[in-house]
Every structure is written in C-alpha cells, then in structure tokens.
C-alpha cells in the first residue's frame, strides 16, 4: 500500500511540475530523512525521481533537514548526499537543538523566500516539513505542500 501511494504521489507531482513555466528562482523544498532517504539509509526512489525530474528541468533544489548543523552532522550529511548523487542548490541544517521542528522549518522557508526563491512545492514526511502551525497560512512561502505517507 505504501509503495502504491508513494508511486501515485510521485507521478502526480512530476505531472504537476511539467505544467509549470519554470523561472530562474523557482525551487522545490525537500526534507531528507523519511522523504529522500529511508530509515535504512536507502533512497526512496519515487521521491528521488521527483527531485531529479525537477533538477533536470532547471528547478532549484532546497533541502531543509532537522539534522544538526554541528561539524560532524554537516560532514556526514554532505558526504551522504554526494555518495547518493543528490544534487541541491542550498541546504539548511538545524543549528539549535532547542528549536522545535515547526518553528525551525518555518524560519527556513521564510529565509528561502527572503533569498528570492519561489517555492513551488514542499515535500516531506512530517507535518512540519510542509505545513505551518495551525492557523498560519503557508501559501505565502510554498505554493503546493505534499505530506508523504509513512511506511
């Protein structure tokens, strides 16, 4: 069931990307863990297919992860992404352990916009990857949020 859902979502998003008139600062925001890479450290192929499709169309790839931005975390994450051939324009990593994920990811999305990017989509496996706190409208920062199912 999970595989069917992920494949259907991937097909839908790729078709949606194909309808877009891509501009220079358009981007898609991806989470890493549970979105691009599973708990076994393997690629989640249908979602990675979205990333490569977008990348090949000239869409900027922005990664926002809750992984810690300490020296070890940065080194591990950059090496892992390089090993898995995951391209990206910019990556945000969590600097403060005490920030909750909702606030942290919201601040990152705001920074993406402040840097002139137009977030066409946000794709993630947790609510905070793609949505803001209840009552706050995310459409100011992201046009299409996609919350992925859990395996």
N, C-alpha and C. Protein backbone atom coordinates (compact mmCIF):
# COMPACT_ATOMS: atom_id res chain seq x y z
N UNK A 1 0.82 -1.19 0.00
CA UNK A 1 0.00 0.00 0.00
C UNK A 1 0.88 1.26 0.00
N UNK A 2 1.89 1.32 0.89
CA UNK A 2 2.78 2.48 0.95
C UNK A 2 3.43 2.72 -0.41
N UNK A 3 3.96 1.66 -1.02
CA UNK A 3 4.65 1.80 -2.31
C UNK A 3 3.71 2.35 -3.38
N UNK A 4 2.46 1.86 -3.39
CA UNK A 4 1.48 2.36 -4.36
C UNK A 4 1.20 3.85 -4.13
N UNK A 5 1.03 4.23 -2.86
CA UNK A 5 0.76 5.64 -2.55
C UNK A 5 1.92 6.54 -2.97
N UNK A 6 3.14 6.12 -2.63
CA UNK A 6 4.32 6.91 -2.98
C UNK A 6 4.47 7.02 -4.50
N UNK A 7 4.26 5.93 -5.20
CA UNK A 7 4.34 5.97 -6.67
C UNK A 7 3.28 6.89 -7.26
N UNK A 8 2.05 6.83 -6.74
CA UNK A 8 0.98 7.71 -7.23
C UNK A 8 1.30 9.17 -6.97
N UNK A 9 1.81 9.46 -5.77
CA UNK A 9 2.18 10.84 -5.44
C UNK A 9 3.30 11.32 -6.36
N UNK A 10 4.29 10.47 -6.58
CA UNK A 10 5.41 10.83 -7.45
C UNK A 10 4.91 11.16 -8.86
N UNK A 11 4.08 10.31 -9.40
CA UNK A 11 3.53 10.53 -10.74
C UNK A 11 2.75 11.84 -10.79
N UNK A 12 1.92 12.09 -9.78
CA UNK A 12 1.13 13.31 -9.72
C UNK A 12 2.03 14.55 -9.69
N UNK A 13 3.05 14.53 -8.82
CA UNK A 13 3.93 15.69 -8.68
C UNK A 13 4.74 15.92 -9.95
N UNK A 14 5.25 14.86 -10.55
CA UNK A 14 6.01 15.02 -11.81
C UNK A 14 5.11 15.62 -12.90
N UNK A 15 3.88 15.15 -12.98
CA UNK A 15 2.94 15.73 -13.95
C UNK A 15 2.65 17.20 -13.64
N UNK A 16 2.55 17.53 -12.35
CA UNK A 16 2.31 18.92 -11.96
C UNK A 16 3.52 19.79 -12.32
N UNK A 17 4.71 19.29 -12.08
CA UNK A 17 5.92 20.03 -12.45
C UNK A 17 5.93 20.32 -13.95
N UNK A 18 5.50 19.35 -14.74
CA UNK A 18 5.50 19.51 -16.20
C UNK A 18 4.57 20.61 -16.68
N UNK A 19 3.62 21.02 -15.83
CA UNK A 19 2.69 22.09 -16.22
C UNK A 19 3.24 23.48 -15.91
N UNK A 20 4.35 23.54 -15.18
CA UNK A 20 4.88 24.81 -14.72
C UNK A 20 5.75 25.48 -15.78
N UNK A 21 5.65 26.79 -15.84
CA UNK A 21 6.55 27.61 -16.65
C UNK A 21 7.69 28.01 -15.72
N UNK A 22 8.79 27.30 -15.78
CA UNK A 22 9.87 27.41 -14.81
C UNK A 22 10.63 28.72 -14.98
N UNK A 23 10.84 29.39 -13.84
CA UNK A 23 11.62 30.62 -13.81
C UNK A 23 12.92 30.36 -13.04
N UNK A 24 13.86 31.28 -13.18
CA UNK A 24 15.21 31.12 -12.64
C UNK A 24 15.26 30.81 -11.15
N UNK A 25 14.43 31.42 -10.34
CA UNK A 25 14.49 31.26 -8.88
C UNK A 25 13.42 30.31 -8.34
N UNK A 26 12.76 29.55 -9.21
CA UNK A 26 11.80 28.55 -8.74
C UNK A 26 12.55 27.44 -8.02
N UNK A 27 11.94 26.91 -6.97
CA UNK A 27 12.59 25.83 -6.23
C UNK A 27 11.54 24.86 -5.69
N UNK A 28 12.02 23.70 -5.31
CA UNK A 28 11.23 22.74 -4.55
C UNK A 28 12.01 22.44 -3.29
N UNK A 29 11.31 22.46 -2.17
CA UNK A 29 11.91 22.18 -0.87
C UNK A 29 11.66 20.72 -0.51
N UNK A 30 12.73 20.01 -0.18
CA UNK A 30 12.64 18.61 0.24
C UNK A 30 13.19 18.46 1.65
N UNK A 31 12.56 17.61 2.42
CA UNK A 31 13.13 17.10 3.66
C UNK A 31 14.08 15.97 3.24
N UNK A 32 14.96 15.53 4.13
CA UNK A 32 15.86 14.43 3.79
C UNK A 32 15.36 13.10 4.38
N UNK A 33 15.38 13.00 5.71
CA UNK A 33 15.09 11.73 6.37
C UNK A 33 13.61 11.39 6.32
N UNK A 34 13.30 10.22 5.80
CA UNK A 34 11.92 9.79 5.64
C UNK A 34 11.27 10.31 4.37
N UNK A 35 11.98 11.17 3.66
CA UNK A 35 11.47 11.74 2.41
C UNK A 35 12.33 11.29 1.24
N UNK A 36 13.60 11.63 1.26
CA UNK A 36 14.52 11.19 0.21
C UNK A 36 15.25 9.90 0.60
N UNK A 37 15.49 9.74 1.89
CA UNK A 37 16.26 8.60 2.40
C UNK A 37 15.45 7.92 3.50
N UNK A 38 15.32 6.60 3.42
CA UNK A 38 14.54 5.87 4.43
C UNK A 38 15.37 5.55 5.67
N UNK A 39 14.76 4.88 6.63
CA UNK A 39 15.45 4.58 7.89
C UNK A 39 16.60 3.58 7.72
N UNK A 40 16.68 2.91 6.59
CA UNK A 40 17.81 2.02 6.28
C UNK A 40 18.90 2.73 5.49
N UNK A 41 18.77 4.05 5.35
CA UNK A 41 19.72 4.89 4.61
C UNK A 41 19.71 4.60 3.11
N UNK A 42 18.58 4.10 2.62
CA UNK A 42 18.40 3.84 1.18
C UNK A 42 17.53 4.94 0.58
N UNK A 43 17.75 5.21 -0.69
CA UNK A 43 16.93 6.20 -1.39
C UNK A 43 15.48 5.75 -1.48
N UNK A 44 14.57 6.69 -1.32
CA UNK A 44 13.15 6.45 -1.60
C UNK A 44 12.97 6.86 -3.06
N UNK A 45 13.08 5.88 -3.94
CA UNK A 45 13.23 6.12 -5.38
C UNK A 45 12.13 6.99 -5.98
N UNK A 46 10.84 6.76 -5.71
CA UNK A 46 9.84 7.63 -6.36
C UNK A 46 10.00 9.11 -6.00
N UNK A 47 10.43 9.40 -4.78
CA UNK A 47 10.60 10.80 -4.38
C UNK A 47 11.89 11.35 -4.98
N UNK A 48 12.92 10.54 -5.01
CA UNK A 48 14.17 10.97 -5.65
C UNK A 48 13.94 11.21 -7.15
N UNK A 49 13.04 10.45 -7.75
CA UNK A 49 12.68 10.68 -9.16
C UNK A 49 12.09 12.08 -9.34
N UNK A 50 11.28 12.52 -8.37
CA UNK A 50 10.74 13.88 -8.43
C UNK A 50 11.89 14.89 -8.39
N UNK A 51 12.80 14.68 -7.46
CA UNK A 51 13.94 15.59 -7.31
C UNK A 51 14.73 15.69 -8.62
N UNK A 52 15.07 14.55 -9.20
CA UNK A 52 15.86 14.59 -10.45
C UNK A 52 15.06 15.18 -11.61
N UNK A 53 13.77 14.90 -11.67
CA UNK A 53 12.94 15.48 -12.73
C UNK A 53 12.96 17.01 -12.61
N UNK A 54 12.77 17.49 -11.39
CA UNK A 54 12.78 18.94 -11.16
C UNK A 54 14.15 19.54 -11.47
N UNK A 55 15.18 18.88 -10.98
CA UNK A 55 16.56 19.34 -11.21
C UNK A 55 16.87 19.42 -12.71
N UNK A 56 16.48 18.41 -13.45
CA UNK A 56 16.72 18.38 -14.90
C UNK A 56 15.92 19.43 -15.65
N UNK A 57 14.84 19.91 -15.04
CA UNK A 57 14.04 20.98 -15.65
C UNK A 57 14.55 22.37 -15.26
N UNK A 58 15.61 22.41 -14.45
CA UNK A 58 16.18 23.69 -14.04
C UNK A 58 15.60 24.26 -12.76
N UNK A 59 14.84 23.47 -12.03
CA UNK A 59 14.28 23.92 -10.76
C UNK A 59 15.35 23.75 -9.67
N UNK A 60 15.53 24.77 -8.86
CA UNK A 60 16.48 24.72 -7.76
C UNK A 60 15.99 23.77 -6.68
N UNK A 61 16.88 22.96 -6.15
CA UNK A 61 16.55 22.01 -5.10
C UNK A 61 17.06 22.58 -3.77
N UNK A 62 16.14 22.75 -2.83
CA UNK A 62 16.47 23.26 -1.50
C UNK A 62 16.17 22.14 -0.50
N UNK A 63 17.14 21.81 0.33
CA UNK A 63 16.95 20.80 1.36
C UNK A 63 16.83 21.49 2.71
N UNK A 64 15.79 21.14 3.46
CA UNK A 64 15.62 21.63 4.82
C UNK A 64 15.49 20.40 5.70
N UNK A 65 16.51 20.19 6.54
CA UNK A 65 16.56 19.00 7.38
C UNK A 65 16.69 19.39 8.85
N UNK A 66 16.18 18.55 9.72
CA UNK A 66 16.35 18.75 11.16
C UNK A 66 17.64 18.14 11.67
N UNK A 67 18.46 17.63 10.76
CA UNK A 67 19.77 17.14 11.19
C UNK A 67 20.56 18.30 11.78
N UNK A 68 21.36 17.98 12.77
CA UNK A 68 22.11 19.01 13.49
C UNK A 68 23.25 19.58 12.64
N UNK A 69 23.39 20.89 12.75
CA UNK A 69 24.41 21.61 11.97
C UNK A 69 25.71 21.73 12.75
N UNK A 70 26.09 20.67 13.44
CA UNK A 70 27.41 20.66 14.06
C UNK A 70 28.40 20.10 13.04
N UNK A 71 29.67 20.17 13.35
CA UNK A 71 30.70 19.77 12.39
C UNK A 71 30.49 18.34 11.89
N UNK A 72 30.22 17.42 12.79
CA UNK A 72 30.02 16.02 12.42
C UNK A 72 28.77 15.83 11.56
N UNK A 73 27.67 16.51 11.95
CA UNK A 73 26.41 16.39 11.20
C UNK A 73 26.52 16.93 9.79
N UNK A 74 27.18 18.07 9.65
CA UNK A 74 27.36 18.67 8.33
C UNK A 74 28.21 17.77 7.44
N UNK A 75 29.32 17.30 7.99
CA UNK A 75 30.22 16.43 7.22
C UNK A 75 29.51 15.16 6.78
N UNK A 76 28.82 14.50 7.71
CA UNK A 76 28.11 13.26 7.39
C UNK A 76 27.06 13.50 6.32
N UNK A 77 26.26 14.55 6.49
CA UNK A 77 25.16 14.81 5.55
C UNK A 77 25.69 15.13 4.16
N UNK A 78 26.69 15.98 4.06
CA UNK A 78 27.26 16.31 2.75
C UNK A 78 27.86 15.08 2.07
N UNK A 79 28.57 14.27 2.84
CA UNK A 79 29.14 13.04 2.27
C UNK A 79 28.06 12.07 1.82
N UNK A 80 27.03 11.91 2.63
CA UNK A 80 25.94 11.00 2.28
C UNK A 80 25.23 11.47 1.00
N UNK A 81 24.92 12.74 0.92
CA UNK A 81 24.26 13.27 -0.28
C UNK A 81 25.13 13.12 -1.51
N UNK A 82 26.41 13.35 -1.37
CA UNK A 82 27.33 13.17 -2.50
C UNK A 82 27.40 11.71 -2.92
N UNK A 83 27.49 10.81 -1.95
CA UNK A 83 27.54 9.38 -2.24
C UNK A 83 26.28 8.91 -2.97
N UNK A 84 25.14 9.48 -2.59
CA UNK A 84 23.86 9.10 -3.20
C UNK A 84 23.53 9.95 -4.43
N UNK A 85 24.45 10.83 -4.82
CA UNK A 85 24.28 11.70 -6.00
C UNK A 85 23.04 12.58 -5.92
N UNK A 86 22.77 13.13 -4.75
CA UNK A 86 21.63 14.02 -4.57
C UNK A 86 22.09 15.45 -4.79
N UNK A 87 21.64 16.08 -5.89
CA UNK A 87 22.03 17.46 -6.14
C UNK A 87 21.17 18.44 -5.34
N UNK A 88 21.73 19.56 -4.96
CA UNK A 88 20.95 20.59 -4.29
C UNK A 88 21.64 21.94 -4.47
N UNK A 89 20.84 22.97 -4.43
CA UNK A 89 21.34 24.34 -4.54
C UNK A 89 21.73 24.88 -3.18
N UNK A 90 20.90 24.55 -2.18
CA UNK A 90 21.12 25.06 -0.84
C UNK A 90 20.58 24.06 0.17
N UNK A 91 21.24 23.98 1.32
CA UNK A 91 20.78 23.08 2.37
C UNK A 91 20.75 23.83 3.70
N UNK A 92 19.65 23.65 4.42
CA UNK A 92 19.51 24.18 5.76
C UNK A 92 19.59 23.02 6.74
N UNK A 93 20.39 23.22 7.79
CA UNK A 93 20.51 22.23 8.86
C UNK A 93 20.25 22.94 10.18
N UNK A 94 19.68 22.22 11.11
CA UNK A 94 19.23 22.79 12.39
C UNK A 94 20.43 23.15 13.27
N UNK A 95 20.51 24.44 13.63
CA UNK A 95 21.63 24.93 14.42
C UNK A 95 21.41 24.80 15.92
N UNK A 96 20.18 24.84 16.33
CA UNK A 96 19.90 24.85 17.77
C UNK A 96 19.03 23.66 18.14
N UNK A 97 19.49 22.86 19.02
CA UNK A 97 18.78 21.66 19.44
C UNK A 97 17.44 22.00 20.08
N UNK A 98 17.31 23.19 20.66
CA UNK A 98 16.09 23.54 21.38
C UNK A 98 14.99 24.08 20.47
N UNK A 99 15.28 24.40 19.24
CA UNK A 99 14.23 24.82 18.31
C UNK A 99 13.31 23.65 18.01
N UNK A 100 11.99 23.88 18.11
CA UNK A 100 11.10 22.80 17.68
C UNK A 100 11.07 22.79 16.15
N UNK A 101 10.71 21.65 15.60
CA UNK A 101 10.79 21.48 14.14
C UNK A 101 9.85 22.41 13.39
N UNK A 102 8.66 22.68 13.94
CA UNK A 102 7.73 23.60 13.27
C UNK A 102 8.37 24.98 13.10
N UNK A 103 8.88 25.54 14.20
CA UNK A 103 9.46 26.88 14.13
C UNK A 103 10.72 26.91 13.26
N UNK A 104 11.56 25.91 13.44
CA UNK A 104 12.79 25.85 12.66
C UNK A 104 12.50 25.79 11.16
N UNK A 105 11.63 24.90 10.75
CA UNK A 105 11.37 24.75 9.31
C UNK A 105 10.62 25.96 8.75
N UNK A 106 9.78 26.58 9.58
CA UNK A 106 9.10 27.81 9.16
C UNK A 106 10.14 28.91 8.90
N UNK A 107 11.10 29.07 9.83
CA UNK A 107 12.16 30.08 9.65
C UNK A 107 12.95 29.82 8.37
N UNK A 108 13.20 28.57 8.08
CA UNK A 108 13.94 28.23 6.86
C UNK A 108 13.14 28.60 5.62
N UNK A 109 11.84 28.28 5.62
CA UNK A 109 11.00 28.63 4.46
C UNK A 109 10.95 30.14 4.26
N UNK A 110 10.88 30.89 5.36
CA UNK A 110 10.90 32.35 5.27
C UNK A 110 12.23 32.81 4.66
N UNK A 111 13.34 32.20 5.08
CA UNK A 111 14.65 32.56 4.55
C UNK A 111 14.76 32.23 3.06
N UNK A 112 14.18 31.11 2.65
CA UNK A 112 14.17 30.75 1.23
C UNK A 112 13.52 31.88 0.43
N UNK A 113 12.37 32.35 0.92
CA UNK A 113 11.67 33.43 0.23
C UNK A 113 12.48 34.73 0.27
N UNK A 114 13.08 35.05 1.42
CA UNK A 114 13.89 36.27 1.54
C UNK A 114 15.07 36.27 0.58
N UNK A 115 15.54 35.08 0.25
CA UNK A 115 16.66 34.95 -0.70
C UNK A 115 16.19 34.95 -2.15
N UNK A 116 14.93 35.27 -2.37
CA UNK A 116 14.42 35.46 -3.71
C UNK A 116 13.89 34.22 -4.40
N UNK A 117 13.85 33.10 -3.69
CA UNK A 117 13.34 31.87 -4.30
C UNK A 117 11.82 31.82 -4.24
N UNK A 118 11.25 31.15 -5.22
CA UNK A 118 9.82 30.92 -5.31
C UNK A 118 9.59 29.42 -5.09
N UNK A 119 9.15 29.07 -3.90
CA UNK A 119 8.96 27.65 -3.57
C UNK A 119 7.68 27.13 -4.21
N UNK A 120 7.85 26.36 -5.27
CA UNK A 120 6.70 25.77 -5.96
C UNK A 120 6.05 24.69 -5.09
N UNK A 121 6.88 23.94 -4.35
CA UNK A 121 6.39 22.82 -3.55
C UNK A 121 7.30 22.61 -2.36
N UNK A 122 6.72 21.99 -1.33
CA UNK A 122 7.49 21.44 -0.22
C UNK A 122 7.05 19.98 -0.08
N UNK A 123 8.01 19.09 0.04
CA UNK A 123 7.73 17.66 0.10
C UNK A 123 8.41 17.09 1.33
N UNK A 124 7.62 16.44 2.18
CA UNK A 124 8.19 15.85 3.39
C UNK A 124 7.26 14.83 4.00
N UNK A 125 7.79 14.09 4.97
CA UNK A 125 7.02 13.03 5.61
C UNK A 125 6.44 13.42 6.96
N UNK A 126 6.74 14.63 7.43
CA UNK A 126 6.18 15.11 8.68
C UNK A 126 5.44 16.41 8.46
N UNK A 127 4.45 16.66 9.30
CA UNK A 127 3.61 17.84 9.18
C UNK A 127 4.45 19.12 9.09
N UNK A 128 5.49 19.22 9.93
CA UNK A 128 6.31 20.43 9.96
C UNK A 128 7.16 20.60 8.71
N UNK A 129 7.32 19.55 7.91
CA UNK A 129 8.07 19.68 6.66
C UNK A 129 7.33 20.50 5.61
N UNK A 130 6.01 20.47 5.69
CA UNK A 130 5.22 21.06 4.60
C UNK A 130 4.14 22.04 5.06
N UNK A 131 3.82 22.04 6.35
CA UNK A 131 2.77 22.92 6.85
C UNK A 131 3.31 23.80 7.97
N UNK A 132 2.59 24.87 8.23
CA UNK A 132 2.92 25.74 9.34
C UNK A 132 2.04 25.36 10.53
N UNK A 133 2.21 26.08 11.62
CA UNK A 133 1.33 25.86 12.78
C UNK A 133 -0.11 26.05 12.35
N UNK A 134 -1.05 25.35 12.96
CA UNK A 134 -2.47 25.56 12.62
C UNK A 134 -2.83 27.04 12.72
N UNK A 135 -3.57 27.50 11.74
CA UNK A 135 -3.99 28.89 11.71
C UNK A 135 -3.07 29.81 10.95
N UNK A 136 -1.86 29.34 10.62
CA UNK A 136 -0.94 30.14 9.83
C UNK A 136 -0.95 29.63 8.41
N UNK A 137 -1.05 30.54 7.48
CA UNK A 137 -1.13 30.19 6.06
C UNK A 137 0.28 30.03 5.49
N UNK A 138 0.57 28.85 4.97
CA UNK A 138 1.89 28.59 4.39
C UNK A 138 1.99 29.06 2.93
N UNK A 139 0.86 29.37 2.30
CA UNK A 139 0.87 29.70 0.87
C UNK A 139 1.74 30.92 0.56
N UNK A 140 2.04 31.71 1.57
CA UNK A 140 2.94 32.85 1.38
C UNK A 140 4.36 32.37 1.05
N UNK A 141 4.70 31.16 1.52
CA UNK A 141 6.05 30.63 1.35
C UNK A 141 6.14 29.45 0.40
N UNK A 142 5.07 28.67 0.29
CA UNK A 142 5.07 27.45 -0.52
C UNK A 142 3.73 27.32 -1.23
N UNK A 143 3.77 27.09 -2.53
CA UNK A 143 2.52 27.00 -3.29
C UNK A 143 1.80 25.66 -3.11
N UNK A 144 2.54 24.54 -3.13
CA UNK A 144 1.93 23.22 -3.03
C UNK A 144 2.66 22.38 -1.98
N UNK A 145 2.07 22.19 -0.80
CA UNK A 145 2.68 21.29 0.19
C UNK A 145 2.24 19.84 -0.06
N UNK A 146 3.19 18.90 0.02
CA UNK A 146 2.87 17.48 -0.15
C UNK A 146 3.39 16.71 1.06
N UNK A 147 2.44 16.24 1.88
CA UNK A 147 2.77 15.41 3.03
C UNK A 147 2.75 13.96 2.60
N UNK A 148 3.87 13.29 2.73
CA UNK A 148 4.00 11.89 2.28
C UNK A 148 3.49 10.94 3.35
N UNK A 149 2.98 9.79 2.92
CA UNK A 149 2.54 8.79 3.91
C UNK A 149 3.75 8.13 4.58
N UNK A 150 3.50 7.53 5.72
CA UNK A 150 4.55 6.77 6.42
C UNK A 150 4.48 5.31 5.96
N UNK A 151 5.62 4.65 5.92
CA UNK A 151 5.61 3.22 5.51
C UNK A 151 4.88 2.35 6.51
